[in-house]
Amino acid sequence: IFLFSILILIVYINQDKIIQAEIDALNKGHKGKITIGDTHLEPFKNFPYISIRIDDTKILESKSNDADEILNVADIDLGFGFWDILTGTYDIQELLVEEGEFNIIIHKDGTTNIQNALATTDEGESEEPMDVHLKNIELRNLDIHKFDETTNIDVETFIYSAQGGFKTQGEVINAHVDTDFELNVIDNGDTTYINKKHFELHTDIEFNENTELLTLQPSSIRMEHGDFDIEGSIDIKNDMTLDLEIKGTKPNFDMLIAFAPSDLIPVLERYRNAGNIYFNAKIDGPSIHGIMPFIDIDFGEREAFLENTGEKKRIEDMGFEGHFTNGTERNLKTMEFALKGMTAKLENGKFLGSILIKNFEEPEVDMRLNADFNLEFLT
């Protein structure tokens, strides 16, 4: 207890010096700028680590007065090991970031604001930077924006909570990540189809620091109430090239309802439903600098029913096979959507049909319907 008390006293006396020395080294060695508020010693908050909380942390793209903010968060907790502090190494092993914004900007010249901030200066560093060997990281209420100046598309990810555990073996970092977040895609200031979509992700990842290849082991992801399996890789060094497979099966419509517009989901959830639903997607290719990866999706349902319990109306023997792709040129012009083999049995009739939509710039629609039922059924 006496030794622990002495250690706490040492950290308390030197906490400002520990943090400010690191900030000064980073600011001198890089073109970006870091500013912080007060620091607070919290020895028991993340026990067995000894934590220093930093208030009002900001990271700017440059040192100019009008520089854009990359990071602006209310609290950052740095966790240090007992023996590391005792030996004066100050090795960060746990990190908690909460309440704030993280902005990633892809400039028209292909650089990012993070690259510009991390670019080194000619001054060099005044002293060795603090070691970072993270074993745990946690994020809470962090609003992340990735804005592409070329396309004016803003991908917003609001992280309600995220936790990760890390293990390093040479140049390979292995991690387990659990996160709960909301996704929005904003195109030229307007909301898109992807609006307030809620996700949960549980995954094991592997990152090779030499090749900058991020590998996702077979993992589970939930969008709204739809459950999917995902695996593949992201080549960060080569234009964020994606190689992902997403699959799912479900005994009800939850997986398809997950893709519906947010304001329509509560309406669809009122209906009792069941069926054999499947979804298989492939995403392949570069994903930055205004480039869209190749997307190919097969989905459908068999032996399904949909029932409005309030009106006591039911549609049976529902089924279809669907396909979507953005085509060889990976744009609106080569985009294609198809539903074939559409079947449904109503109270006193049946419905057969198919639909094919090509070229989303100037849509070409081929719709074929064969219906034999009383229209009063729909009212």
Protein backbone atom coordinates (compact mmCIF):
# COMPACT_ATOMS: atom_id res chain seq x y z
CA ILE A 1 0.00 0.00 0.00
CA PHE A 2 2.87 2.36 0.87
CA LEU A 3 4.54 1.69 -2.49
CA PHE A 4 1.28 2.25 -4.35
CA SER A 5 0.72 5.53 -2.49
CA ILE A 6 4.20 6.74 -3.40
CA LEU A 7 3.57 5.79 -7.03
CA ILE A 8 0.29 7.72 -7.12
CA LEU A 9 2.02 10.75 -5.63
CA ILE A 10 4.76 10.58 -8.30
CA VAL A 11 2.21 10.43 -11.10
CA TYR A 12 0.09 13.20 -9.56
CA ILE A 13 3.06 15.55 -9.33
CA ASN A 14 4.28 14.76 -12.85
CA GLN A 15 1.02 14.26 -14.76
CA ASP A 16 1.14 17.63 -16.53
CA LYS A 17 4.79 17.13 -17.41
CA ILE A 18 4.17 13.60 -18.70
CA ILE A 19 1.39 14.67 -21.08
CA GLN A 20 2.71 18.08 -22.11
CA ALA A 21 6.14 16.69 -22.97
CA GLU A 22 4.47 14.24 -25.35
CA ILE A 23 2.27 16.96 -26.89
CA ASP A 24 5.29 19.22 -27.41
CA ALA A 25 7.23 16.39 -29.09
CA LEU A 26 4.35 15.59 -31.45
CA ASN A 27 3.71 19.25 -32.32
CA LYS A 28 7.38 19.86 -33.03
CA GLY A 29 7.81 16.76 -35.14
CA HIS A 30 4.60 16.96 -37.21
CA LYS A 31 2.78 19.60 -39.26
CA GLY A 32 -0.50 19.15 -37.40
CA LYS A 33 -1.29 20.67 -34.03
CA ILE A 34 -2.58 19.17 -30.78
CA THR A 35 -4.11 21.21 -27.97
CA ILE A 36 -5.43 19.98 -24.64
CA GLY A 37 -7.26 21.28 -21.57
CA ASP A 38 -6.71 20.16 -18.00
CA THR A 39 -5.36 16.77 -16.93
CA HIS A 40 -6.63 14.69 -13.99
CA LEU A 41 -5.18 11.67 -12.24
CA GLU A 42 -7.75 8.84 -11.83
CA PRO A 43 -5.92 5.87 -10.27
CA PHE A 44 -8.97 3.61 -9.79
CA LYS A 45 -11.21 4.39 -12.79
CA ASN A 46 -9.69 1.68 -15.03
CA PHE A 47 -7.90 -0.44 -12.43
CA PRO A 48 -5.44 -2.23 -12.69
CA TYR A 49 -4.28 0.57 -15.00
CA ILE A 50 -3.48 3.98 -13.57
CA SER A 51 -5.31 6.56 -15.70
CA ILE A 52 -4.72 10.16 -16.60
CA ARG A 53 -7.77 11.91 -18.03
CA ILE A 54 -7.22 14.69 -20.57
CA ASP A 55 -9.98 17.25 -21.13
CA ASP A 56 -10.87 19.00 -24.40
CA THR A 57 -8.40 17.40 -26.79
CA LYS A 58 -8.20 18.89 -30.28
CA ILE A 59 -6.11 17.82 -33.28
CA LEU A 60 -5.82 20.27 -36.20
CA GLU A 61 -4.70 19.57 -39.76
CA SER A 62 -2.03 22.27 -39.60
CA LYS A 63 -0.74 24.99 -37.32
CA SER A 64 -2.49 27.81 -39.20
CA ASN A 65 -5.13 29.82 -37.34
CA ASP A 66 -7.93 28.66 -39.64
CA ALA A 67 -6.93 24.97 -39.71
CA ASP A 68 -9.77 22.44 -39.77
CA GLU A 69 -10.30 20.15 -36.80
CA ILE A 70 -9.60 16.45 -37.20
CA LEU A 71 -10.47 15.51 -33.63
CA ASN A 72 -12.41 17.33 -30.93
CA VAL A 73 -13.31 15.22 -27.90
CA ALA A 74 -14.29 16.01 -24.33
CA ASP A 75 -12.35 13.24 -22.58
CA ILE A 76 -9.42 10.95 -23.30
CA ASP A 77 -8.24 8.50 -20.64
CA LEU A 78 -4.72 7.09 -20.93
CA GLY A 79 -4.06 3.91 -18.95
CA PHE A 80 -0.52 3.08 -17.77
CA GLY A 81 0.77 -0.10 -16.18
CA PHE A 82 1.92 -0.03 -12.56
CA TRP A 83 5.46 -1.23 -13.25
CA ASP A 84 5.84 0.90 -16.38
CA ILE A 85 5.28 4.05 -14.34
CA LEU A 86 7.58 2.78 -11.61
CA THR A 87 10.39 2.41 -14.17
CA GLY A 88 9.53 5.71 -15.89
CA THR A 89 8.64 4.20 -19.30
CA TYR A 90 5.05 5.58 -19.49
CA ASP A 91 3.78 2.98 -21.94
CA ILE A 92 0.11 3.57 -22.92
CA GLN A 93 -1.75 0.26 -22.59
CA GLU A 94 -5.39 1.35 -22.41
CA LEU A 95 -7.22 4.16 -24.21
CA LEU A 96 -10.73 5.56 -23.66
CA VAL A 97 -12.10 8.26 -25.99
CA GLU A 98 -15.58 9.71 -25.39
CA GLU A 99 -17.93 12.52 -26.36
CA GLY A 100 -16.75 14.24 -29.52
CA GLU A 101 -16.08 14.27 -33.25
CA PHE A 102 -13.48 12.70 -35.55
CA ASN A 103 -13.38 14.12 -39.08
CA ILE A 104 -11.61 12.41 -41.98
CA ILE A 105 -11.37 14.47 -45.17
CA ILE A 106 -10.22 13.05 -48.51
CA HIS A 107 -8.96 16.08 -50.44
CA LYS A 108 -9.27 16.47 -54.20
CA ASP A 109 -5.52 15.84 -54.63
CA GLY A 110 -5.94 12.39 -53.04
CA THR A 111 -4.35 13.27 -49.69
CA THR A 112 -6.21 13.15 -46.40
CA ASN A 113 -6.24 15.60 -43.52
CA ILE A 114 -4.72 12.89 -41.33
CA GLN A 115 -1.78 12.44 -43.72
CA ASN A 116 -1.20 16.19 -43.75
CA ALA A 117 -1.27 16.40 -39.96
CA LEU A 118 1.15 13.48 -39.58
CA ALA A 119 3.61 14.82 -42.17
CA THR A 120 6.95 15.43 -40.47
CA THR A 121 8.62 18.80 -40.09
CA ASP A 122 12.31 19.65 -40.49
CA GLU A 123 12.60 20.38 -36.78
CA GLY A 124 12.47 16.78 -35.63
CA GLU A 125 11.37 15.72 -32.19
CA SER A 126 12.75 17.27 -29.03
CA GLU A 127 12.56 13.93 -27.21
CA GLU A 128 11.50 10.33 -27.72
CA PRO A 129 7.71 9.95 -28.02
CA MET A 130 5.72 7.96 -25.47
CA ASP A 131 5.44 4.23 -26.21
CA VAL A 132 2.02 2.91 -27.21
CA HIS A 133 1.26 -0.81 -26.81
CA LEU A 134 -2.51 -0.81 -26.57
CA LYS A 135 -4.14 -3.83 -25.01
CA ASN A 136 -7.61 -2.27 -24.79
CA ILE A 137 -9.40 0.61 -26.49
CA GLU A 138 -12.90 1.94 -25.86
CA LEU A 139 -14.95 4.57 -27.70
CA ARG A 140 -18.17 6.16 -26.45
CA ASN A 141 -20.46 8.62 -28.25
CA LEU A 142 -17.96 9.44 -30.99
CA ASP A 143 -19.27 10.99 -34.22
CA ILE A 144 -17.00 10.01 -37.13
CA HIS A 145 -17.30 11.70 -40.53
CA LYS A 146 -15.49 10.64 -43.72
CA PHE A 147 -15.99 13.37 -46.31
CA ASP A 148 -14.79 13.04 -49.93
CA GLU A 149 -14.25 16.46 -51.52
CA THR A 150 -14.39 14.94 -55.03
CA THR A 151 -17.86 13.43 -54.67
CA ASN A 152 -19.22 15.62 -51.83
CA ILE A 153 -20.31 12.42 -50.07
CA ASP A 154 -20.16 12.38 -46.27
CA VAL A 155 -20.26 8.98 -44.57
CA GLU A 156 -21.21 9.51 -40.92
CA THR A 157 -20.71 6.78 -38.34
CA PHE A 158 -21.95 7.62 -34.85
CA ILE A 159 -20.39 5.15 -32.44
CA TYR A 160 -22.51 4.66 -29.35
CA SER A 161 -19.97 2.24 -27.93
CA ALA A 162 -16.98 0.26 -29.15
CA GLN A 163 -14.51 -1.96 -27.36
CA GLY A 164 -11.40 -3.66 -28.66
CA GLY A 165 -8.75 -5.94 -27.22
CA PHE A 166 -5.34 -6.10 -28.90
CA LYS A 167 -2.45 -8.54 -29.09
CA THR A 168 0.73 -7.80 -31.07
CA GLN A 169 2.99 -10.46 -32.59
CA GLY A 170 5.81 -8.88 -34.59
CA GLU A 171 4.31 -6.79 -37.38
CA VAL A 172 0.85 -8.40 -36.97
CA ILE A 173 -1.81 -6.91 -34.68
CA ASN A 174 -4.76 -9.12 -33.73
CA ALA A 175 -7.87 -7.57 -32.25
CA HIS A 176 -11.41 -8.40 -31.19
CA VAL A 177 -13.92 -5.59 -31.72
CA ASP A 178 -17.49 -5.17 -30.44
CA THR A 179 -19.28 -2.03 -31.57
CA ASP A 180 -22.75 -0.48 -31.72
CA PHE A 181 -23.16 2.37 -34.23
CA GLU A 182 -25.49 4.29 -36.54
CA LEU A 183 -24.68 4.89 -40.21
CA ASN A 184 -25.73 7.82 -42.41
CA VAL A 185 -24.65 8.63 -45.96
CA ILE A 186 -25.12 12.28 -47.00
CA ASP A 187 -24.79 13.17 -50.70
CA ASN A 188 -24.26 16.88 -51.48
CA GLY A 189 -25.98 17.85 -48.24
CA ASP A 190 -29.02 15.60 -48.74
CA THR A 191 -29.84 12.39 -46.89
CA THR A 192 -29.76 9.19 -48.93
CA TYR A 193 -31.27 5.73 -48.73
CA ILE A 194 -28.75 4.89 -46.00
CA ASN A 195 -30.19 7.03 -43.23
CA LYS A 196 -30.13 6.27 -39.50
CA LYS A 197 -29.28 2.61 -40.08
CA HIS A 198 -28.38 0.94 -36.79
CA PHE A 199 -25.59 -1.66 -36.74
CA GLU A 200 -23.94 -4.03 -34.29
CA LEU A 201 -20.61 -5.61 -35.24
CA HIS A 202 -18.68 -8.36 -33.50
CA THR A 203 -15.47 -9.30 -35.26
CA ASP A 204 -11.90 -10.54 -34.99
CA ILE A 205 -9.46 -8.66 -37.20
CA GLU A 206 -5.81 -8.97 -38.16
CA PHE A 207 -3.72 -6.01 -39.32
CA ASN A 208 -0.28 -6.38 -40.92
CA GLU A 209 1.70 -3.19 -40.33
CA ASN A 210 4.08 -3.94 -43.23
CA THR A 211 1.50 -4.67 -45.94
CA GLU A 212 -1.28 -2.53 -44.34
CA LEU A 213 -3.73 -5.34 -45.06
CA LEU A 214 -6.69 -5.57 -42.66
CA THR A 215 -8.27 -9.03 -42.58
CA LEU A 216 -11.74 -9.65 -41.13
CA GLN A 217 -12.22 -13.15 -39.80
CA PRO A 218 -15.74 -14.66 -40.19
CA SER A 219 -17.82 -12.24 -38.12
CA SER A 220 -21.41 -11.32 -37.34
CA ILE A 221 -23.04 -7.99 -38.14
CA ARG A 222 -26.59 -6.89 -37.38
CA MET A 223 -28.33 -4.14 -39.37
CA GLU A 224 -31.60 -3.15 -37.70
CA HIS A 225 -33.04 -6.64 -36.99
CA GLY A 226 -31.26 -8.41 -39.86
CA ASP A 227 -28.32 -10.69 -39.04
CA PHE A 228 -25.47 -11.21 -41.51
CA ASP A 229 -22.08 -12.94 -41.68
CA ILE A 230 -19.13 -10.99 -43.09
CA GLU A 231 -15.52 -11.84 -43.91
CA GLY A 232 -12.76 -10.61 -46.21
CA SER A 233 -10.06 -7.97 -46.29
CA ILE A 234 -9.36 -4.26 -46.73
CA ASP A 235 -6.10 -3.25 -48.44
CA ILE A 236 -5.50 0.15 -46.83
CA LYS A 237 -2.27 0.88 -48.72
CA ASN A 238 -3.82 0.33 -52.15
CA ASP A 239 -6.77 2.76 -52.36
CA MET A 240 -8.72 1.05 -49.54
CA THR A 241 -9.36 -1.94 -51.83
CA LEU A 242 -12.22 -4.06 -50.48
CA ASP A 243 -12.61 -7.83 -50.82
CA LEU A 244 -15.68 -8.63 -48.74
CA GLU A 245 -18.39 -11.30 -48.70
CA ILE A 246 -21.64 -10.75 -46.81
CA LYS A 247 -24.14 -13.57 -46.35
CA GLY A 248 -27.32 -14.15 -44.44
CA THR A 249 -30.26 -16.51 -44.03
CA LYS A 250 -33.37 -15.90 -41.96
CA PRO A 251 -36.72 -17.62 -41.29
CA ASN A 252 -38.56 -14.27 -41.54
CA PHE A 253 -38.43 -10.90 -43.31
CA ASP A 254 -36.12 -9.15 -40.81
CA MET A 255 -33.17 -9.28 -43.19
CA LEU A 256 -35.09 -7.64 -46.05
CA ILE A 257 -36.86 -5.14 -43.78
CA ALA A 258 -33.40 -3.99 -42.63
CA PHE A 259 -32.81 -2.51 -46.11
CA ALA A 260 -36.07 -0.56 -46.14
CA PRO A 261 -36.08 3.24 -45.61
CA SER A 262 -35.94 4.06 -41.89
CA ASP A 263 -39.40 5.65 -41.76
CA LEU A 264 -40.98 2.59 -43.43
CA ILE A 265 -39.50 -0.02 -41.06
CA PRO A 266 -42.02 0.52 -38.21
CA VAL A 267 -44.88 0.02 -40.69
CA LEU A 268 -43.42 -3.22 -42.08
CA GLU A 269 -42.78 -4.56 -38.58
CA ARG A 270 -46.51 -4.55 -37.87
CA TYR A 271 -47.00 -7.48 -40.23
CA ARG A 272 -46.52 -11.07 -39.10
CA ASN A 273 -44.26 -12.87 -41.55
CA ALA A 274 -42.13 -15.94 -42.15
CA GLY A 275 -40.25 -17.60 -45.00
CA ASN A 276 -36.89 -18.82 -46.24
CA ILE A 277 -34.93 -15.61 -46.87
CA TYR A 278 -31.36 -15.42 -48.21
CA PHE A 279 -28.86 -12.66 -49.01
CA ASN A 280 -25.39 -13.05 -50.60
CA ALA A 281 -23.23 -10.05 -51.49
CA LYS A 282 -19.74 -9.55 -52.94
CA ILE A 283 -17.91 -6.20 -52.70
CA ASP A 284 -14.60 -5.95 -54.54
CA GLY A 285 -12.28 -3.12 -55.57
CA PRO A 286 -10.89 0.33 -54.58
CA SER A 287 -13.20 2.53 -52.50
CA ILE A 288 -11.63 6.03 -52.28
CA HIS A 289 -10.81 8.95 -54.61
CA GLY A 290 -14.33 8.90 -56.03
CA ILE A 291 -14.07 5.22 -57.04
CA MET A 292 -16.88 2.80 -56.21
CA PRO A 293 -16.04 -0.88 -55.67
CA PHE A 294 -17.80 -3.59 -57.68
CA ILE A 295 -21.01 -4.71 -55.93
CA ASP A 296 -22.90 -7.90 -56.77
CA ILE A 297 -25.84 -9.08 -54.65
CA ASP A 298 -28.19 -12.07 -54.90
CA PHE A 299 -31.20 -12.21 -52.59
CA GLY A 300 -34.66 -13.73 -52.43
CA GLU A 301 -37.34 -15.58 -50.55
CA ARG A 302 -39.23 -18.88 -50.82
CA GLU A 303 -42.32 -20.34 -49.13
CA ALA A 304 -43.07 -17.06 -47.39
CA PHE A 305 -46.21 -15.43 -46.05
CA LEU A 306 -47.19 -11.93 -44.95
CA GLU A 307 -50.18 -11.31 -42.65
CA ASN A 308 -51.93 -8.15 -41.55
CA THR A 309 -53.34 -9.39 -38.25
CA GLY A 310 -55.43 -6.26 -37.74
CA GLU A 311 -57.26 -6.61 -41.05
CA LYS A 312 -57.04 -10.43 -40.96
CA LYS A 313 -55.62 -10.57 -44.48
CA ARG A 314 -52.84 -12.88 -45.53
CA ILE A 315 -50.61 -13.38 -48.57
CA GLU A 316 -49.17 -16.88 -48.95
CA ASP A 317 -46.72 -18.78 -51.15
CA MET A 318 -44.65 -15.65 -51.68
CA GLY A 319 -41.36 -15.94 -53.48
CA PHE A 320 -38.88 -14.20 -55.76
CA GLU A 321 -35.24 -14.17 -56.85
CA GLY A 322 -33.48 -10.82 -56.79
CA HIS A 323 -30.20 -9.49 -58.14
CA PHE A 324 -28.39 -6.15 -57.93
CA THR A 325 -25.09 -5.00 -59.41
CA ASN A 326 -23.41 -1.70 -60.19
CA GLY A 327 -21.98 -3.29 -63.33
CA THR A 328 -18.67 -3.29 -65.16
CA GLU A 329 -18.19 0.49 -64.88
CA ARG A 330 -19.37 0.53 -61.26
CA ASN A 331 -21.64 3.53 -61.68
CA LEU A 332 -25.30 4.50 -62.17
CA LYS A 333 -25.14 3.86 -65.92
CA THR A 334 -24.23 0.18 -65.57
CA MET A 335 -26.31 -0.39 -62.43
CA GLU A 336 -28.96 -3.11 -62.71
CA PHE A 337 -31.74 -4.37 -60.45
CA ALA A 338 -33.91 -7.42 -61.14
CA LEU A 339 -36.71 -9.35 -59.48
CA LYS A 340 -37.85 -12.51 -61.23
CA GLY A 341 -40.14 -15.37 -60.39
CA MET A 342 -42.31 -13.12 -58.22
CA THR A 343 -45.22 -15.20 -56.93
CA ALA A 344 -47.94 -14.69 -54.34
CA LYS A 345 -51.22 -16.35 -53.48
CA LEU A 346 -53.99 -14.08 -52.23
CA GLU A 347 -57.40 -14.99 -50.77
CA ASN A 348 -59.11 -15.56 -54.11
CA GLY A 349 -56.38 -15.26 -56.68
CA LYS A 350 -52.70 -15.17 -57.46
CA PHE A 351 -49.95 -12.85 -58.60
CA LEU A 352 -47.02 -13.52 -60.97
CA GLY A 353 -44.46 -11.02 -62.14
CA SER A 354 -40.94 -9.82 -62.83
CA ILE A 355 -39.13 -6.49 -63.05
CA LEU A 356 -35.81 -5.45 -64.61
CA ILE A 357 -34.31 -1.97 -64.25
CA LYS A 358 -31.16 -1.01 -66.19
CA ASN A 359 -29.16 2.22 -66.37
CA PHE A 360 -30.10 4.24 -63.27
CA GLU A 361 -29.06 7.47 -65.04
CA GLU A 362 -31.79 7.03 -67.68
CA PRO A 363 -33.77 4.07 -66.31
CA GLU A 364 -34.93 1.34 -68.67
CA VAL A 365 -37.75 -0.56 -66.97
CA ASP A 366 -39.15 -3.91 -68.11
CA MET A 367 -42.07 -4.93 -65.86
CA ARG A 368 -44.31 -7.92 -66.46
CA LEU A 369 -47.32 -8.70 -64.28
CA ASN A 370 -49.97 -11.38 -64.38
CA ALA A 371 -52.55 -10.76 -61.65
CA ASP A 372 -55.82 -12.53 -60.99
CA PHE A 373 -57.44 -11.30 -57.76
CA ASN A 374 -60.08 -8.92 -56.42
CA LEU A 375 -58.66 -5.40 -55.99
CA GLU A 376 -60.76 -4.95 -52.86
CA PHE A 377 -58.23 -7.24 -51.16
CA LEU A 378 -55.73 -4.35 -51.18
CA THR A 379 -58.03 -1.89 -49.42
